[in-house]
Amino acid sequence: MNNYNNLRIKLEVKKEELNERLSRIRKSKRKEHDKDWAEQATERENDDVVDILGENIIKELDQIENSLKRMEQNEYSICASCGQSINDERLFALPYTSLCIKCAGKI
């Protein structure tokens, strides 16, 4: 398959969605904490969870950016590890993968 326009669109939509989520996370981090100590403890625990979510979003955004660059360079369907083709079914299931199923299984 030479044309990955649908996957490009899917990646762009996902990228936009993740950027919106990341923006909401950053806004929530600027919010002041409650004056009540018990409530602050709960809010700080929530902040830890939000931090982890933000880190995961950033990682996923990096993978999406990498996939979009690989598309531009006509390397999208080539495994970054072994150089073999990544089958279309895998790309449709996980559009930001850079590894074939064999190499992904080695991680």
PDB file of N, CA and C in Angstrom:
ATOM      1  N   MET A   1       0.838  -1.185   0.000  1.00  0.00           N
ATOM      2  CA  MET A   1       0.000   0.000   0.000  1.00  0.00           C
ATOM      3  C   MET A   1       0.876   1.238   0.000  1.00  0.00           C
ATOM      4  N   ASN A   2       0.770   2.060  -1.019  1.00  0.00           N
ATOM      5  CA  ASN A   2       1.609   3.246  -1.159  1.00  0.00           C
ATOM      6  C   ASN A   2       0.965   4.496  -0.591  1.00  0.00           C
ATOM      7  N   ASN A   3      -0.347   4.486  -0.410  1.00  0.00           N
ATOM      8  CA  ASN A   3      -1.048   5.681  -0.005  1.00  0.00           C
ATOM      9  C   ASN A   3      -1.559   5.543   1.426  1.00  0.00           C
ATOM     10  N   TYR A   4      -1.013   6.346   2.317  1.00  0.00           N
ATOM     11  CA  TYR A   4      -1.389   6.299   3.715  1.00  0.00           C
ATOM     12  C   TYR A   4      -2.142   7.568   4.131  1.00  0.00           C
ATOM     13  N   ASN A   5      -2.880   8.183   3.206  1.00  0.00           N
ATOM     14  CA  ASN A   5      -3.584   9.430   3.516  1.00  0.00           C
ATOM     15  C   ASN A   5      -4.568   9.272   4.669  1.00  0.00           C
ATOM     16  N   ASN A   6      -5.316   8.162   4.690  1.00  0.00           N
ATOM     17  CA  ASN A   6      -6.269   7.962   5.782  1.00  0.00           C
ATOM     18  C   ASN A   6      -5.565   7.846   7.125  1.00  0.00           C
ATOM     19  N   LEU A   7      -4.431   7.175   7.136  1.00  0.00           N
ATOM     20  CA  LEU A   7      -3.669   7.063   8.383  1.00  0.00           C
ATOM     21  C   LEU A   7      -3.057   8.393   8.774  1.00  0.00           C
ATOM     22  N   ARG A   8      -2.630   9.165   7.804  1.00  0.00           N
ATOM     23  CA  ARG A   8      -2.088  10.498   8.092  1.00  0.00           C
ATOM     24  C   ARG A   8      -3.167  11.355   8.758  1.00  0.00           C
ATOM     25  N   ILE A   9      -4.365  11.300   8.204  1.00  0.00           N
ATOM     26  CA  ILE A   9      -5.477  12.067   8.777  1.00  0.00           C
ATOM     27  C   ILE A   9      -5.772  11.579  10.193  1.00  0.00           C
ATOM     28  N   LYS A  10      -5.790  10.271  10.368  1.00  0.00           N
ATOM     29  CA  LYS A  10      -6.035   9.691  11.687  1.00  0.00           C
ATOM     30  C   LYS A  10      -4.978  10.160  12.693  1.00  0.00           C
ATOM     31  N   LEU A  11      -3.724  10.174  12.270  1.00  0.00           N
ATOM     32  CA  LEU A  11      -2.638  10.633  13.136  1.00  0.00           C
ATOM     33  C   LEU A  11      -2.766  12.122  13.454  1.00  0.00           C
ATOM     34  N   GLU A  12      -3.128  12.914  12.474  1.00  0.00           N
ATOM     35  CA  GLU A  12      -3.285  14.361  12.694  1.00  0.00           C
ATOM     36  C   GLU A  12      -4.430  14.637  13.672  1.00  0.00           C
ATOM     37  N   VAL A  13      -5.531  13.902  13.530  1.00  0.00           N
ATOM     38  CA  VAL A  13      -6.673  14.072  14.433  1.00  0.00           C
ATOM     39  C   VAL A  13      -6.275  13.678  15.854  1.00  0.00           C
ATOM     40  N   LYS A  14      -5.578  12.559  15.983  1.00  0.00           N
ATOM     41  CA  LYS A  14      -5.120  12.101  17.297  1.00  0.00           C
ATOM     42  C   LYS A  14      -4.150  13.105  17.907  1.00  0.00           C
ATOM     43  N   LYS A  15      -3.277  13.651  17.091  1.00  0.00           N
ATOM     44  CA  LYS A  15      -2.321  14.649  17.553  1.00  0.00           C
ATOM     45  C   LYS A  15      -3.056  15.876  18.108  1.00  0.00           C
ATOM     46  N   GLU A  16      -4.057  16.328  17.404  1.00  0.00           N
ATOM     47  CA  GLU A  16      -4.845  17.482  17.853  1.00  0.00           C
ATOM     48  C   GLU A  16      -5.550  17.175  19.173  1.00  0.00           C
ATOM     49  N   GLU A  17      -6.137  15.991  19.249  1.00  0.00           N
ATOM     50  CA  GLU A  17      -6.821  15.564  20.470  1.00  0.00           C
ATOM     51  C   GLU A  17      -5.864  15.523  21.658  1.00  0.00           C
ATOM     52  N   LEU A  18      -4.688  14.959  21.450  1.00  0.00           N
ATOM     53  CA  LEU A  18      -3.706  14.862  22.529  1.00  0.00           C
ATOM     54  C   LEU A  18      -3.182  16.229  22.938  1.00  0.00           C
ATOM     55  N   ASN A  19      -2.985  17.119  21.981  1.00  0.00           N
ATOM     56  CA  ASN A  19      -2.545  18.473  22.310  1.00  0.00           C
ATOM     57  C   ASN A  19      -3.595  19.205  23.137  1.00  0.00           C
ATOM     58  N   GLU A  20      -4.874  18.983  22.842  1.00  0.00           N
ATOM     59  CA  GLU A  20      -5.945  19.593  23.633  1.00  0.00           C
ATOM     60  C   GLU A  20      -5.934  19.047  25.056  1.00  0.00           C
ATOM     61  N   ARG A  21      -5.757  17.734  25.197  1.00  0.00           N
ATOM     62  CA  ARG A  21      -5.685  17.129  26.534  1.00  0.00           C
ATOM     63  C   ARG A  21      -4.500  17.686  27.319  1.00  0.00           C
ATOM     64  N   LEU A  22      -3.365  17.783  26.644  1.00  0.00           N
ATOM     65  CA  LEU A  22      -2.164  18.300  27.295  1.00  0.00           C
ATOM     66  C   LEU A  22      -2.369  19.745  27.736  1.00  0.00           C
ATOM     67  N   SER A  23      -3.038  20.512  26.934  1.00  0.00           N
ATOM     68  CA  SER A  23      -3.353  21.901  27.289  1.00  0.00           C
ATOM     69  C   SER A  23      -4.228  21.961  28.540  1.00  0.00           C
ATOM     70  N   ARG A  24      -5.241  21.091  28.610  1.00  0.00           N
ATOM     71  CA  ARG A  24      -6.108  21.062  29.798  1.00  0.00           C
ATOM     72  C   ARG A  24      -5.317  20.644  31.042  1.00  0.00           C
ATOM     73  N   ILE A  25      -4.406  19.700  30.864  1.00  0.00           N
ATOM     74  CA  ILE A  25      -3.571  19.271  31.991  1.00  0.00           C
ATOM     75  C   ILE A  25      -2.716  20.425  32.481  1.00  0.00           C
ATOM     76  N   ARG A  26      -2.112  21.143  31.568  1.00  0.00           N
ATOM     77  CA  ARG A  26      -1.251  22.267  31.957  1.00  0.00           C
ATOM     78  C   ARG A  26      -2.055  23.361  32.649  1.00  0.00           C
ATOM     79  N   LYS A  27      -3.275  23.606  32.194  1.00  0.00           N
ATOM     80  CA  LYS A  27      -4.137  24.596  32.848  1.00  0.00           C
ATOM     81  C   LYS A  27      -4.492  24.144  34.256  1.00  0.00           C
ATOM     82  N   SER A  28      -4.801  22.880  34.425  1.00  0.00           N
ATOM     83  CA  SER A  28      -5.184  22.381  35.753  1.00  0.00           C
ATOM     84  C   SER A  28      -4.011  22.454  36.725  1.00  0.00           C
ATOM     85  N   LYS A  29      -2.808  22.338  36.226  1.00  0.00           N
ATOM     86  CA  LYS A  29      -1.616  22.406  37.094  1.00  0.00           C
ATOM     87  C   LYS A  29      -1.384  23.814  37.624  1.00  0.00           C
ATOM     88  N   ARG A  30      -1.901  24.817  36.922  1.00  0.00           N
ATOM     89  CA  ARG A  30      -1.718  26.205  37.361  1.00  0.00           C
ATOM     90  C   ARG A  30      -2.771  26.620  38.389  1.00  0.00           C
ATOM     91  N   LYS A  31      -3.767  25.782  38.584  1.00  0.00           N
ATOM     92  CA  LYS A  31      -4.847  26.077  39.508  1.00  0.00           C
ATOM     93  C   LYS A  31      -4.331  26.035  40.948  1.00  0.00           C
ATOM     94  N   GLU A  32      -4.788  26.974  41.753  1.00  0.00           N
ATOM     95  CA  GLU A  32      -4.366  27.015  43.155  1.00  0.00           C
ATOM     96  C   GLU A  32      -4.997  25.876  43.935  1.00  0.00           C
ATOM     97  N   HIS A  33      -4.261  25.422  44.935  1.00  0.00           N
ATOM     98  CA  HIS A  33      -4.770  24.356  45.794  1.00  0.00           C
ATOM     99  C   HIS A  33      -5.682  24.936  46.868  1.00  0.00           C
ATOM    100  N   ASP A  34      -6.561  24.085  47.347  1.00  0.00           N
ATOM    101  CA  ASP A  34      -7.483  24.444  48.420  1.00  0.00           C
ATOM    102  C   ASP A  34      -6.701  24.808  49.674  1.00  0.00           C
ATOM    103  N   LYS A  35      -7.287  25.620  50.539  1.00  0.00           N
ATOM    104  CA  LYS A  35      -6.616  26.015  51.782  1.00  0.00           C
ATOM    105  C   LYS A  35      -6.703  24.930  52.850  1.00  0.00           C
ATOM    106  N   ASP A  36      -7.681  24.049  52.716  1.00  0.00           N
ATOM    107  CA  ASP A  36      -7.846  22.952  53.658  1.00  0.00           C
ATOM    108  C   ASP A  36      -6.741  21.914  53.434  1.00  0.00           C
ATOM    109  N   TRP A  37      -6.038  21.533  54.506  1.00  0.00           N
ATOM    110  CA  TRP A  37      -4.897  20.626  54.394  1.00  0.00           C
ATOM    111  C   TRP A  37      -5.296  19.263  53.847  1.00  0.00           C
ATOM    112  N   ALA A  38      -6.409  18.738  54.326  1.00  0.00           N
ATOM    113  CA  ALA A  38      -6.854  17.416  53.862  1.00  0.00           C
ATOM    114  C   ALA A  38      -7.187  17.467  52.374  1.00  0.00           C
ATOM    115  N   GLU A  39      -7.832  18.532  51.973  1.00  0.00           N
ATOM    116  CA  GLU A  39      -8.176  18.684  50.552  1.00  0.00           C
ATOM    117  C   GLU A  39      -6.914  18.862  49.708  1.00  0.00           C
ATOM    118  N   GLN A  40      -5.938  19.582  50.244  1.00  0.00           N
ATOM    119  CA  GLN A  40      -4.667  19.757  49.529  1.00  0.00           C
ATOM    120  C   GLN A  40      -3.975  18.427  49.302  1.00  0.00           C
ATOM    121  N   ALA A  41      -4.013  17.557  50.296  1.00  0.00           N
ATOM    122  CA  ALA A  41      -3.372  16.242  50.161  1.00  0.00           C
ATOM    123  C   ALA A  41      -4.008  15.466  49.010  1.00  0.00           C
ATOM    124  N   THR A  42      -5.319  15.504  48.928  1.00  0.00           N
ATOM    125  CA  THR A  42      -6.029  14.824  47.836  1.00  0.00           C
ATOM    126  C   THR A  42      -5.674  15.455  46.494  1.00  0.00           C
ATOM    127  N   GLU A  43      -5.644  16.766  46.466  1.00  0.00           N
ATOM    128  CA  GLU A  43      -5.309  17.460  45.216  1.00  0.00           C
ATOM    129  C   GLU A  43      -3.897  17.131  44.762  1.00  0.00           C
ATOM    130  N   ARG A  44      -2.977  17.040  45.687  1.00  0.00           N
ATOM    131  CA  ARG A  44      -1.586  16.720  45.326  1.00  0.00           C
ATOM    132  C   ARG A  44      -1.454  15.280  44.816  1.00  0.00           C
ATOM    133  N   GLU A  45      -2.225  14.371  45.377  1.00  0.00           N
ATOM    134  CA  GLU A  45      -2.247  13.004  44.851  1.00  0.00           C
ATOM    135  C   GLU A  45      -2.778  13.012  43.421  1.00  0.00           C
ATOM    136  N   ASN A  46      -3.816  13.787  43.203  1.00  0.00           N
ATOM    137  CA  ASN A  46      -4.371  13.916  41.855  1.00  0.00           C
ATOM    138  C   ASN A  46      -3.352  14.528  40.908  1.00  0.00           C
ATOM    139  N   ASP A  47      -2.576  15.481  41.402  1.00  0.00           N
ATOM    140  CA  ASP A  47      -1.535  16.096  40.578  1.00  0.00           C
ATOM    141  C   ASP A  47      -0.521  15.061  40.102  1.00  0.00           C
ATOM    142  N   ASP A  48      -0.184  14.122  40.974  1.00  0.00           N
ATOM    143  CA  ASP A  48       0.764  13.070  40.589  1.00  0.00           C
ATOM    144  C   ASP A  48       0.210  12.235  39.437  1.00  0.00           C
ATOM    145  N   VAL A  49      -1.067  11.905  39.521  1.00  0.00           N
ATOM    146  CA  VAL A  49      -1.705  11.132  38.450  1.00  0.00           C
ATOM    147  C   VAL A  49      -1.733  11.950  37.165  1.00  0.00           C
ATOM    148  N   VAL A  50      -2.064  13.220  37.283  1.00  0.00           N
ATOM    149  CA  VAL A  50      -2.120  14.101  36.117  1.00  0.00           C
ATOM    150  C   VAL A  50      -0.737  14.239  35.482  1.00  0.00           C
ATOM    151  N   ASP A  51       0.295  14.293  36.303  1.00  0.00           N
ATOM    152  CA  ASP A  51       1.668  14.360  35.769  1.00  0.00           C
ATOM    153  C   ASP A  51       1.998  13.130  34.933  1.00  0.00           C
ATOM    154  N   ILE A  52       1.632  11.975  35.428  1.00  0.00           N
ATOM    155  CA  ILE A  52       1.893  10.726  34.690  1.00  0.00           C
ATOM    156  C   ILE A  52       1.110  10.717  33.379  1.00  0.00           C
ATOM    157  N   LEU A  53      -0.148  11.149  33.427  1.00  0.00           N
ATOM    158  CA  LEU A  53      -0.948  11.229  32.204  1.00  0.00           C
ATOM    159  C   LEU A  53      -0.299  12.175  31.200  1.00  0.00           C
ATOM    160  N   GLY A  54       0.186  13.307  31.682  1.00  0.00           N
ATOM    161  CA  GLY A  54       0.855  14.268  30.806  1.00  0.00           C
ATOM    162  C   GLY A  54       2.101  13.682  30.161  1.00  0.00           C
ATOM    163  N   GLU A  55       2.882  12.955  30.944  1.00  0.00           N
ATOM    164  CA  GLU A  55       4.085  12.317  30.404  1.00  0.00           C
ATOM    165  C   GLU A  55       3.730  11.303  29.318  1.00  0.00           C
ATOM    166  N   ASN A  56       2.672  10.534  29.545  1.00  0.00           N
ATOM    167  CA  ASN A  56       2.242   9.548  28.555  1.00  0.00           C
ATOM    168  C   ASN A  56       1.750  10.220  27.280  1.00  0.00           C
ATOM    169  N   ILE A  57       1.057  11.329  27.425  1.00  0.00           N
ATOM    170  CA  ILE A  57       0.593  12.073  26.255  1.00  0.00           C
ATOM    171  C   ILE A  57       1.777  12.590  25.451  1.00  0.00           C
ATOM    172  N   ILE A  58       2.774  13.112  26.128  1.00  0.00           N
ATOM    173  CA  ILE A  58       3.963  13.629  25.442  1.00  0.00           C
ATOM    174  C   ILE A  58       4.675  12.501  24.677  1.00  0.00           C
ATOM    175  N   LYS A  59       4.774  11.328  25.281  1.00  0.00           N
ATOM    176  CA  LYS A  59       5.393  10.179  24.604  1.00  0.00           C
ATOM    177  C   LYS A  59       4.599   9.797  23.361  1.00  0.00           C
ATOM    178  N   GLU A  60       3.272   9.776  23.495  1.00  0.00           N
ATOM    179  CA  GLU A  60       2.431   9.409  22.351  1.00  0.00           C
ATOM    180  C   GLU A  60       2.534  10.461  21.249  1.00  0.00           C
ATOM    181  N   LEU A  61       2.595  11.731  21.639  1.00  0.00           N
ATOM    182  CA  LEU A  61       2.760  12.796  20.643  1.00  0.00           C
ATOM    183  C   LEU A  61       4.091  12.649  19.905  1.00  0.00           C
ATOM    184  N   ASP A  62       5.134  12.282  20.619  1.00  0.00           N
ATOM    185  CA  ASP A  62       6.438  12.052  19.984  1.00  0.00           C
ATOM    186  C   ASP A  62       6.355  10.923  18.961  1.00  0.00           C
ATOM    187  N   GLN A  63       5.643   9.855  19.313  1.00  0.00           N
ATOM    188  CA  GLN A  63       5.491   8.729  18.388  1.00  0.00           C
ATOM    189  C   GLN A  63       4.708   9.158  17.147  1.00  0.00           C
ATOM    190  N   ILE A  64       3.691   9.962  17.343  1.00  0.00           N
ATOM    191  CA  ILE A  64       2.894  10.440  16.212  1.00  0.00           C
ATOM    192  C   ILE A  64       3.741  11.332  15.316  1.00  0.00           C
ATOM    193  N   GLU A  65       4.489  12.251  15.913  1.00  0.00           N
ATOM    194  CA  GLU A  65       5.370  13.132  15.128  1.00  0.00           C
ATOM    195  C   GLU A  65       6.383  12.315  14.336  1.00  0.00           C
ATOM    196  N   ASN A  66       6.944  11.302  14.978  1.00  0.00           N
ATOM    197  CA  ASN A  66       7.907  10.432  14.308  1.00  0.00           C
ATOM    198  C   ASN A  66       7.256   9.733  13.118  1.00  0.00           C
ATOM    199  N   SER A  67       6.035   9.258  13.301  1.00  0.00           N
ATOM    200  CA  SER A  67       5.333   8.577  12.201  1.00  0.00           C
ATOM    201  C   SER A  67       5.047   9.525  11.049  1.00  0.00           C
ATOM    202  N   LEU A  68       4.642  10.741  11.364  1.00  0.00           N
ATOM    203  CA  LEU A  68       4.370  11.720  10.308  1.00  0.00           C
ATOM    204  C   LEU A  68       5.647  12.057   9.529  1.00  0.00           C
ATOM    205  N   LYS A  69       6.775  12.158  10.231  1.00  0.00           N
ATOM    206  CA  LYS A  69       8.055  12.406   9.561  1.00  0.00           C
ATOM    207  C   LYS A  69       8.445  11.219   8.689  1.00  0.00           C
ATOM    208  N   ARG A  70       8.201  10.013   9.208  1.00  0.00           N
ATOM    209  CA  ARG A  70       8.517   8.808   8.439  1.00  0.00           C
ATOM    210  C   ARG A  70       7.667   8.742   7.172  1.00  0.00           C
ATOM    211  N   MET A  71       6.431   9.220   7.260  1.00  0.00           N
ATOM    212  CA  MET A  71       5.582   9.275   6.064  1.00  0.00           C
ATOM    213  C   MET A  71       6.171  10.227   5.029  1.00  0.00           C
ATOM    214  N   GLU A  72       6.605  11.395   5.482  1.00  0.00           N
ATOM    215  CA  GLU A  72       7.197  12.386   4.577  1.00  0.00           C
ATOM    216  C   GLU A  72       8.447  11.845   3.901  1.00  0.00           C
ATOM    217  N   GLN A  73       9.185  11.012   4.606  1.00  0.00           N
ATOM    218  CA  GLN A  73      10.438  10.463   4.087  1.00  0.00           C
ATOM    219  C   GLN A  73      10.242   9.123   3.387  1.00  0.00           C
ATOM    220  N   ASN A  74       8.992   8.728   3.184  1.00  0.00           N
ATOM    221  CA  ASN A  74       8.658   7.443   2.550  1.00  0.00           C
ATOM    222  C   ASN A  74       9.276   6.251   3.284  1.00  0.00           C
ATOM    223  N   GLU A  75       9.348   6.349   4.618  1.00  0.00           N
ATOM    224  CA  GLU A  75       9.889   5.267   5.439  1.00  0.00           C
ATOM    225  C   GLU A  75       8.842   4.725   6.408  1.00  0.00           C
ATOM    226  N   TYR A  76       7.599   5.149   6.231  1.00  0.00           N
ATOM    227  CA  TYR A  76       6.547   4.840   7.200  1.00  0.00           C
ATOM    228  C   TYR A  76       6.333   3.343   7.395  1.00  0.00           C
ATOM    229  N   SER A  77       6.346   2.588   6.333  1.00  0.00           N
ATOM    230  CA  SER A  77       6.038   1.158   6.448  1.00  0.00           C
ATOM    231  C   SER A  77       7.291   0.294   6.576  1.00  0.00           C
ATOM    232  N   ILE A  78       8.421   0.921   6.885  1.00  0.00           N
ATOM    233  CA  ILE A  78       9.680   0.192   7.047  1.00  0.00           C
ATOM    234  C   ILE A  78      10.025   0.141   8.535  1.00  0.00           C
ATOM    235  N   CYS A  79      10.296  -1.036   9.041  1.00  0.00           N
ATOM    236  CA  CYS A  79      10.635  -1.223  10.449  1.00  0.00           C
ATOM    237  C   CYS A  79      11.928  -0.469  10.779  1.00  0.00           C
ATOM    238  N   ALA A  80      11.871   0.330  11.841  1.00  0.00           N
ATOM    239  CA  ALA A  80      13.034   1.118  12.255  1.00  0.00           C
ATOM    240  C   ALA A  80      14.143   0.247  12.829  1.00  0.00           C
ATOM    241  N   SER A  81      13.825  -0.989  13.189  1.00  0.00           N
ATOM    242  CA  SER A  81      14.822  -1.869  13.773  1.00  0.00           C
ATOM    243  C   SER A  81      15.481  -2.776  12.740  1.00  0.00           C
ATOM    244  N   CYS A  82      14.669  -3.528  11.989  1.00  0.00           N
ATOM    245  CA  CYS A  82      15.234  -4.527  11.084  1.00  0.00           C
ATOM    246  C   CYS A  82      15.204  -4.122   9.611  1.00  0.00           C
ATOM    247  N   GLY A  83      14.456  -3.074   9.269  1.00  0.00           N
ATOM    248  CA  GLY A  83      14.390  -2.615   7.889  1.00  0.00           C
ATOM    249  C   GLY A  83      13.392  -3.363   7.013  1.00  0.00           C
ATOM    250  N   GLN A  84      12.709  -4.353   7.577  1.00  0.00           N
ATOM    251  CA  GLN A  84      11.691  -5.089   6.823  1.00  0.00           C
ATOM    252  C   GLN A  84      10.390  -4.283   6.809  1.00  0.00           C
ATOM    253  N   SER A  85       9.458  -4.703   5.979  1.00  0.00           N
ATOM    254  CA  SER A  85       8.171  -4.023   5.879  1.00  0.00           C
ATOM    255  C   SER A  85       7.313  -4.275   7.117  1.00  0.00           C
ATOM    256  N   ILE A  86       6.587  -3.235   7.503  1.00  0.00           N
ATOM    257  CA  ILE A  86       5.558  -3.367   8.529  1.00  0.00           C
ATOM    258  C   ILE A  86       4.263  -3.601   7.773  1.00  0.00           C
ATOM    259  N   ASN A  87       3.550  -4.671   8.098  1.00  0.00           N
ATOM    260  CA  ASN A  87       2.352  -4.962   7.313  1.00  0.00           C
ATOM    261  C   ASN A  87       1.255  -3.934   7.574  1.00  0.00           C
ATOM    262  N   ASP A  88       0.407  -3.759   6.578  1.00  0.00           N
ATOM    263  CA  ASP A  88      -0.637  -2.741   6.633  1.00  0.00           C
ATOM    264  C   ASP A  88      -1.599  -2.963   7.798  1.00  0.00           C
ATOM    265  N   GLU A  89      -1.904  -4.204   8.123  1.00  0.00           N
ATOM    266  CA  GLU A  89      -2.814  -4.486   9.228  1.00  0.00           C
ATOM    267  C   GLU A  89      -2.266  -3.915  10.538  1.00  0.00           C
ATOM    268  N   ARG A  90      -0.969  -4.057  10.746  1.00  0.00           N
ATOM    269  CA  ARG A  90      -0.347  -3.513  11.962  1.00  0.00           C
ATOM    270  C   ARG A  90      -0.397  -1.989  11.946  1.00  0.00           C
ATOM    271  N   LEU A  91      -0.123  -1.391  10.810  1.00  0.00           N
ATOM    272  CA  LEU A  91      -0.152   0.070  10.719  1.00  0.00           C
ATOM    273  C   LEU A  91      -1.561   0.619  10.962  1.00  0.00           C
ATOM    274  N   PHE A  92      -2.567  -0.080  10.463  1.00  0.00           N
ATOM    275  CA  PHE A  92      -3.933   0.367  10.706  1.00  0.00           C
ATOM    276  C   PHE A  92      -4.330   0.196  12.169  1.00  0.00           C
ATOM    277  N   ALA A  93      -3.852  -0.856  12.801  1.00  0.00           N
ATOM    278  CA  ALA A  93      -4.166  -1.099  14.208  1.00  0.00           C
ATOM    279  C   ALA A  93      -3.412  -0.144  15.132  1.00  0.00           C
ATOM    280  N   LEU A  94      -2.179   0.160  14.782  1.00  0.00           N
ATOM    281  CA  LEU A  94      -1.321   1.009  15.603  1.00  0.00           C
ATOM    282  C   LEU A  94      -0.572   1.969  14.686  1.00  0.00           C
ATOM    283  N   PRO A  95      -1.240   3.032  14.235  1.00  0.00           N
ATOM    284  CA  PRO A  95      -0.672   3.887  13.186  1.00  0.00           C
ATOM    285  C   PRO A  95       0.636   4.592  13.540  1.00  0.00           C
ATOM    286  N   TYR A  96       0.973   4.672  14.824  1.00  0.00           N
ATOM    287  CA  TYR A  96       2.236   5.338  15.162  1.00  0.00           C
ATOM    288  C   TYR A  96       3.346   4.358  15.532  1.00  0.00           C
ATOM    289  N   THR A  97       3.197   3.115  15.121  1.00  0.00           N
ATOM    290  CA  THR A  97       4.269   2.157  15.366  1.00  0.00           C
ATOM    291  C   THR A  97       5.421   2.398  14.382  1.00  0.00           C
ATOM    292  N   SER A  98       6.609   2.081  14.818  1.00  0.00           N
ATOM    293  CA  SER A  98       7.769   2.157  13.929  1.00  0.00           C
ATOM    294  C   SER A  98       8.446   0.796  13.808  1.00  0.00           C
ATOM    295  N   LEU A  99       7.820  -0.227  14.421  1.00  0.00           N
ATOM    296  CA  LEU A  99       8.412  -1.560  14.435  1.00  0.00           C
ATOM    297  C   LEU A  99       7.461  -2.590  13.845  1.00  0.00           C
ATOM    298  N   CYS A 100       8.025  -3.550  13.141  1.00  0.00           N
ATOM    299  CA  CYS A 100       7.229  -4.682  12.667  1.00  0.00           C
ATOM    300  C   CYS A 100       6.849  -5.532  13.888  1.00  0.00           C
ATOM    301  N   ILE A 101       5.927  -6.443  13.702  1.00  0.00           N
ATOM    302  CA  ILE A 101       5.444  -7.264  14.823  1.00  0.00           C
ATOM    303  C   ILE A 101       6.566  -8.106  15.432  1.00  0.00           C
ATOM    304  N   LYS A 102       7.475  -8.586  14.599  1.00  0.00           N
ATOM    305  CA  LYS A 102       8.584  -9.413  15.093  1.00  0.00           C
ATOM    306  C   LYS A 102       9.490  -8.600  16.009  1.00  0.00           C
ATOM    307  N   CYS A 103       9.879  -7.418  15.578  1.00  0.00           N
ATOM    308  CA  CYS A 103      10.772  -6.583  16.385  1.00  0.00           C
ATOM    309  C   CYS A 103      10.062  -6.042  17.633  1.00  0.00           C
ATOM    310  N   ALA A 104       8.776  -5.728  17.506  1.00  0.00           N
ATOM    311  CA  ALA A 104       8.017  -5.256  18.666  1.00  0.00           C
ATOM    312  C   ALA A 104       7.939  -6.332  19.728  1.00  0.00           C
ATOM    313  N   GLY A 105       7.907  -7.585  19.313  1.00  0.00           N
ATOM    314  CA  GLY A 105       7.853  -8.686  20.255  1.00  0.00           C
ATOM    315  C   GLY A 105       9.149  -8.887  21.021  1.00  0.00           C
ATOM    316  N   LYS A 106      10.226  -8.335  20.535  1.00  0.00           N
ATOM    317  CA  LYS A 106      11.527  -8.474  21.184  1.00  0.00           C
ATOM    318  C   LYS A 106      11.726  -7.470  22.321  1.00  0.00           C
ATOM    319  N   ILE A 107      10.866  -6.477  22.369  1.00  0.00           N
ATOM    320  CA  ILE A 107      11.035  -5.416  23.390  1.00  0.00           C
ATOM    321  C   ILE A 107      10.524  -5.879  24.732  1.00  0.00           C
TER     322      ILE A 107
END
